[in-house]
Amino acid sequence: MSKLSVMKHGIGYDLVIDESVGRLVLGIRCHTCGRVSFNPTDITERYCGACHVFHEERLLNQQA
């Protein structure tokens, strides 16, 4: 079972650490769908593959 700890809160996402695998693994959790991705590109680009959205773009669209 995964033990996720929030490392950083963002707009629409959290950067999380999975401590259950015996080492720290960085992931990103989407606030919309709740899914967690451990894909390094998704983390870097703040992207949710399930929602098909970049979180920064979502923020910009909400502010427009």
C-alpha atoms as a PDB file:
ATOM      1  CA  MET A   1       0.000   0.000   0.000  1.00  0.00           C
ATOM      2  CA  SER A   2       1.309   3.450  -0.913  1.00  0.00           C
ATOM      3  CA  LYS A   3       2.093   6.012   1.742  1.00  0.00           C
ATOM      4  CA  LEU A   4       1.955   9.395   0.020  1.00  0.00           C
ATOM      5  CA  SER A   5       3.169  12.545   1.729  1.00  0.00           C
ATOM      6  CA  VAL A   6       2.541  15.975   0.225  1.00  0.00           C
ATOM      7  CA  MET A   7       5.793  17.780  -0.499  1.00  0.00           C
ATOM      8  CA  LYS A   8       4.325  20.894  -2.154  1.00  0.00           C
ATOM      9  CA  HIS A   9       0.825  22.206  -2.841  1.00  0.00           C
ATOM     10  CA  GLY A  10       0.252  23.773  -6.237  1.00  0.00           C
ATOM     11  CA  ILE A  11      -2.723  25.219  -8.073  1.00  0.00           C
ATOM     12  CA  GLY A  12      -4.666  22.113  -9.093  1.00  0.00           C
ATOM     13  CA  TYR A  13      -1.995  19.620  -8.051  1.00  0.00           C
ATOM     14  CA  ASP A  14       0.212  18.371  -5.227  1.00  0.00           C
ATOM     15  CA  LEU A  15       3.766  17.133  -5.541  1.00  0.00           C
ATOM     16  CA  VAL A  16       3.866  13.969  -3.456  1.00  0.00           C
ATOM     17  CA  ILE A  17       6.468  11.530  -2.186  1.00  0.00           C
ATOM     18  CA  ASP A  18       5.772   7.788  -2.046  1.00  0.00           C
ATOM     19  CA  GLU A  19       7.602   6.463   1.014  1.00  0.00           C
ATOM     20  CA  SER A  20       6.320   2.876   0.790  1.00  0.00           C
ATOM     21  CA  VAL A  21       8.892   1.544  -1.690  1.00  0.00           C
ATOM     22  CA  GLY A  22      11.880   1.884   0.636  1.00  0.00           C
ATOM     23  CA  ARG A  23      13.092   5.055  -1.059  1.00  0.00           C
ATOM     24  CA  LEU A  24      11.562   8.416  -1.831  1.00  0.00           C
ATOM     25  CA  VAL A  25       9.729   8.535  -5.173  1.00  0.00           C
ATOM     26  CA  LEU A  26       8.377  11.858  -6.426  1.00  0.00           C
ATOM     27  CA  GLY A  27       4.912  11.983  -8.003  1.00  0.00           C
ATOM     28  CA  ILE A  28       2.203  14.482  -8.938  1.00  0.00           C
ATOM     29  CA  ARG A  29      -1.434  14.202  -7.779  1.00  0.00           C
ATOM     30  CA  CYS A  30      -4.199  15.980  -9.695  1.00  0.00           C
ATOM     31  CA  HIS A  31      -6.833  17.754  -7.576  1.00  0.00           C
ATOM     32  CA  THR A  32      -9.502  17.205 -10.263  1.00  0.00           C
ATOM     33  CA  CYS A  33      -9.335  13.426 -10.672  1.00  0.00           C
ATOM     34  CA  GLY A  34      -7.110  12.438  -7.732  1.00  0.00           C
ATOM     35  CA  ARG A  35      -4.779  10.326  -9.826  1.00  0.00           C
ATOM     36  CA  VAL A  36      -1.062  10.189  -9.061  1.00  0.00           C
ATOM     37  CA  SER A  37       1.584  10.008 -11.785  1.00  0.00           C
ATOM     38  CA  PHE A  38       5.199   9.084 -11.173  1.00  0.00           C
ATOM     39  CA  ASN A  39       6.189   9.911 -14.769  1.00  0.00           C
ATOM     40  CA  PRO A  40       9.118  12.378 -14.637  1.00  0.00           C
ATOM     41  CA  THR A  41       7.808  14.347 -17.636  1.00  0.00           C
ATOM     42  CA  ASP A  42       4.342  14.722 -16.067  1.00  0.00           C
ATOM     43  CA  ILE A  43       5.967  16.032 -12.891  1.00  0.00           C
ATOM     44  CA  THR A  44       8.219  18.487 -14.712  1.00  0.00           C
ATOM     45  CA  GLU A  45       5.422  19.791 -16.941  1.00  0.00           C
ATOM     46  CA  ARG A  46       2.734  19.665 -14.197  1.00  0.00           C
ATOM     47  CA  TYR A  47       0.612  17.476 -16.495  1.00  0.00           C
ATOM     48  CA  CYS A  48      -2.291  15.127 -15.708  1.00  0.00           C
ATOM     49  CA  GLY A  49      -2.490  12.310 -18.236  1.00  0.00           C
ATOM     50  CA  ALA A  50      -5.937  11.277 -17.015  1.00  0.00           C
ATOM     51  CA  CYS A  51      -7.446  14.766 -17.487  1.00  0.00           C
ATOM     52  CA  HIS A  52      -5.168  15.599 -20.458  1.00  0.00           C
ATOM     53  CA  VAL A  53      -4.416  19.043 -19.047  1.00  0.00           C
ATOM     54  CA  PHE A  54      -1.377  21.067 -18.018  1.00  0.00           C
ATOM     55  CA  HIS A  55      -2.146  22.612 -14.626  1.00  0.00           C
ATOM     56  CA  GLU A  56      -0.609  25.996 -15.488  1.00  0.00           C
ATOM     57  CA  GLU A  57      -2.841  26.208 -18.591  1.00  0.00           C
ATOM     58  CA  ARG A  58      -5.885  25.333 -16.473  1.00  0.00           C
ATOM     59  CA  LEU A  59      -4.993  28.166 -14.074  1.00  0.00           C
ATOM     60  CA  LEU A  60      -4.556  30.658 -16.942  1.00  0.00           C
ATOM     61  CA  ASN A  61      -7.895  29.615 -18.479  1.00  0.00           C
ATOM     62  CA  GLN A  62      -9.681  30.081 -15.136  1.00  0.00           C
ATOM     63  CA  GLN A  63      -8.231  33.590 -14.743  1.00  0.00           C
ATOM     64  CA  ALA A  64      -9.252  34.722 -18.261  1.00  0.00           C
END
